[in-house]
Amino acid sequence: MNLEPTASAKSPWRNPLLYTGLIVACVALYVVFIFYTRYESARRYEEQNREHRMEQRHEDDVRAVEQLGGSGLAIRGLYLSPSVIALGQSAQLCYDVANAKTVTLDPPVAEVWPSHSRCINVSPKKTTLYKLSITGANGELASQSVELRVK
């Protein structure tokens, strides 16, 4: 009789390293999944934030252009300070234009140019009507008048 133990073939499912390896692989896949989803979430958040900042900047730029006269040709201000003077005194003629290519003043008393805030000293000998005319880049015209009375 043969008393030697028979070598039975061990099943791979009875190996503890197999189970440990599968558990470690599952945990590693889960960790990779967590990192990837957090990365994607942060990337989407940054993209939305960038788009929001771009929209806000555009709105701010549009508001600034409108405050400075918009895109249309305009004389935003033309006034005299004071509007009545005595003979020999002077007054300031101030103007504010938007989107003008050229500016002319009739009667001419000083050099004028497109400006958001420009004042010129004037001292006429009689009551005078000053006419400010502006021309836009596409040829459109605008004009406005103001009278300085001399007593």
Protein backbone atom coordinates (compact mmCIF):
# COMPACT_ATOMS: atom_id res chain seq x y z
CA MET A 1 0.00 0.00 0.00
CA ASN A 2 1.06 3.38 -0.69
CA LEU A 3 1.05 5.62 2.37
CA GLU A 4 2.42 8.65 0.72
CA PRO A 5 0.11 11.62 0.60
CA THR A 6 -1.08 12.34 -2.83
CA ALA A 7 -0.24 15.66 -4.24
CA SER A 8 -3.52 17.26 -4.83
CA ALA A 9 -3.65 20.12 -7.22
CA LYS A 10 -4.33 23.38 -5.35
CA SER A 11 -7.11 25.52 -6.77
CA PRO A 12 -6.04 29.10 -7.69
CA TRP A 13 -9.10 30.35 -5.80
CA ARG A 14 -7.63 29.14 -2.54
CA ASN A 15 -4.61 31.45 -2.92
CA PRO A 16 -4.90 34.48 -0.54
CA LEU A 17 -2.62 36.59 -2.78
CA LEU A 18 -5.21 36.44 -5.55
CA TYR A 19 -7.91 37.95 -3.35
CA THR A 20 -5.53 40.52 -1.91
CA GLY A 21 -4.39 41.51 -5.41
CA LEU A 22 -8.00 41.87 -6.61
CA ILE A 23 -8.88 44.03 -3.59
CA VAL A 24 -5.81 46.24 -4.11
CA ALA A 25 -6.63 46.59 -7.83
CA CYS A 26 -10.24 47.57 -7.04
CA VAL A 27 -9.10 50.14 -4.45
CA ALA A 28 -6.56 51.55 -6.92
CA LEU A 29 -9.22 51.84 -9.64
CA TYR A 30 -11.56 53.57 -7.18
CA VAL A 31 -8.82 56.07 -6.17
CA VAL A 32 -8.06 56.79 -9.84
CA PHE A 33 -11.79 57.29 -10.48
CA ILE A 34 -12.07 59.74 -7.54
CA PHE A 35 -9.04 61.76 -8.70
CA TYR A 36 -10.29 61.86 -12.29
CA THR A 37 -13.80 63.00 -11.35
CA ARG A 38 -12.39 65.72 -9.08
CA TYR A 39 -10.05 66.86 -11.84
CA GLU A 40 -12.91 67.02 -14.35
CA SER A 41 -15.12 68.88 -11.87
CA ALA A 42 -12.41 71.46 -11.18
CA ARG A 43 -11.76 71.86 -14.91
CA ARG A 44 -15.47 72.45 -15.64
CA TYR A 45 -15.68 74.93 -12.76
CA GLU A 46 -12.68 76.88 -14.09
CA GLU A 47 -14.16 76.91 -17.60
CA GLN A 48 -17.49 78.27 -16.33
CA ASN A 49 -15.64 80.82 -14.21
CA ARG A 50 -13.57 81.94 -17.22
CA GLU A 51 -16.72 82.32 -19.35
CA HIS A 52 -18.40 84.33 -16.58
CA ARG A 53 -15.38 86.66 -16.30
CA MET A 54 -15.36 87.17 -20.08
CA GLU A 55 -19.09 88.03 -20.09
CA GLN A 56 -18.58 90.44 -17.18
CA ARG A 57 -15.64 92.12 -18.93
CA HIS A 58 -17.71 92.51 -22.11
CA GLU A 59 -20.59 94.08 -20.15
CA ASP A 60 -18.16 96.46 -18.41
CA ASP A 61 -16.63 97.47 -21.75
CA VAL A 62 -20.04 98.13 -23.29
CA ARG A 63 -21.03 100.21 -20.25
CA ALA A 64 -17.79 102.24 -20.50
CA VAL A 65 -18.34 102.94 -24.21
CA GLU A 66 -21.90 104.06 -23.50
CA GLN A 67 -20.70 106.35 -20.68
CA LEU A 68 -18.18 107.89 -23.05
CA GLY A 69 -20.85 108.61 -25.64
CA GLY A 70 -21.64 105.27 -27.15
CA SER A 71 -20.69 104.54 -30.71
CA GLY A 72 -22.74 107.37 -32.22
CA LEU A 73 -21.60 110.85 -33.13
CA ALA A 74 -22.69 113.35 -30.48
CA ILE A 75 -22.04 116.74 -28.95
CA ARG A 76 -22.51 115.83 -25.32
CA GLY A 77 -21.87 119.27 -23.97
CA LEU A 78 -21.47 122.85 -25.17
CA TYR A 79 -21.70 125.71 -22.69
CA LEU A 80 -20.34 129.13 -21.72
CA SER A 81 -19.19 130.13 -18.29
CA PRO A 82 -20.43 132.80 -17.65
CA SER A 83 -23.02 133.24 -20.40
CA VAL A 84 -23.13 137.05 -19.98
CA ILE A 85 -20.03 139.25 -19.73
CA ALA A 86 -19.19 142.95 -19.73
CA LEU A 87 -17.17 144.42 -22.58
CA GLY A 88 -13.48 143.56 -22.10
CA GLN A 89 -14.12 140.48 -19.94
CA SER A 90 -13.66 136.88 -21.05
CA ALA A 91 -15.65 133.68 -20.71
CA GLN A 92 -14.87 130.02 -21.18
CA LEU A 93 -16.47 128.12 -24.05
CA CYS A 94 -16.40 124.41 -23.15
CA TYR A 95 -17.33 121.42 -25.27
CA ASP A 96 -17.50 117.64 -25.01
CA VAL A 97 -17.84 115.51 -28.16
CA ALA A 98 -18.07 111.77 -28.76
CA ASN A 99 -16.79 109.84 -31.78
CA ALA A 100 -15.93 112.96 -33.78
CA LYS A 101 -13.31 112.88 -36.51
CA THR A 102 -13.16 116.67 -36.94
CA VAL A 103 -14.35 119.63 -34.87
CA THR A 104 -14.85 123.20 -36.10
CA LEU A 105 -15.93 126.34 -34.29
CA ASP A 106 -17.54 129.31 -36.03
CA PRO A 107 -16.43 132.04 -35.57
CA PRO A 108 -12.96 130.56 -35.09
CA VAL A 109 -11.28 131.80 -31.92
CA ALA A 110 -8.79 129.01 -31.21
CA GLU A 111 -7.73 125.63 -32.50
CA VAL A 112 -10.29 122.94 -31.65
CA TRP A 113 -10.10 119.14 -31.83
CA PRO A 114 -12.10 116.11 -30.68
CA SER A 115 -12.08 116.04 -26.89
CA HIS A 116 -14.16 114.79 -23.97
CA SER A 117 -13.47 117.97 -22.05
CA ARG A 118 -11.97 121.11 -23.58
CA CYS A 119 -12.44 124.78 -22.71
CA ILE A 120 -11.36 127.86 -24.69
CA ASN A 121 -11.14 131.44 -23.46
CA VAL A 122 -13.22 133.84 -25.57
CA SER A 123 -13.61 137.62 -25.26
CA PRO A 124 -15.77 139.05 -28.04
CA LYS A 125 -16.51 142.76 -28.41
CA LYS A 126 -20.24 142.14 -29.08
CA THR A 127 -22.86 139.44 -28.48
CA THR A 128 -21.72 136.40 -30.45
CA LEU A 129 -23.31 133.10 -31.46
CA TYR A 130 -20.74 130.29 -31.40
CA LYS A 131 -21.51 127.22 -33.52
CA LEU A 132 -19.68 123.94 -32.85
CA SER A 133 -19.81 121.46 -35.74
CA ILE A 134 -18.47 117.92 -35.72
CA THR A 135 -18.03 115.31 -38.42
CA GLY A 136 -17.96 111.56 -37.83
CA ALA A 137 -15.76 108.98 -39.51
CA ASN A 138 -18.55 108.04 -41.93
CA GLY A 139 -19.28 111.67 -42.89
CA GLU A 140 -22.30 112.35 -40.69
CA LEU A 141 -22.61 115.86 -39.25
CA ALA A 142 -23.83 117.35 -35.99
CA SER A 143 -23.81 120.92 -34.74
CA GLN A 144 -24.91 122.95 -31.76
CA SER A 145 -24.87 126.66 -30.95
CA VAL A 146 -24.48 128.77 -27.83
CA GLU A 147 -24.70 132.54 -27.44
CA LEU A 148 -22.39 134.74 -25.38
CA ARG A 149 -24.03 138.06 -24.55
CA VAL A 150 -21.85 141.14 -24.08
CA LYS A 151 -23.28 144.09 -22.09
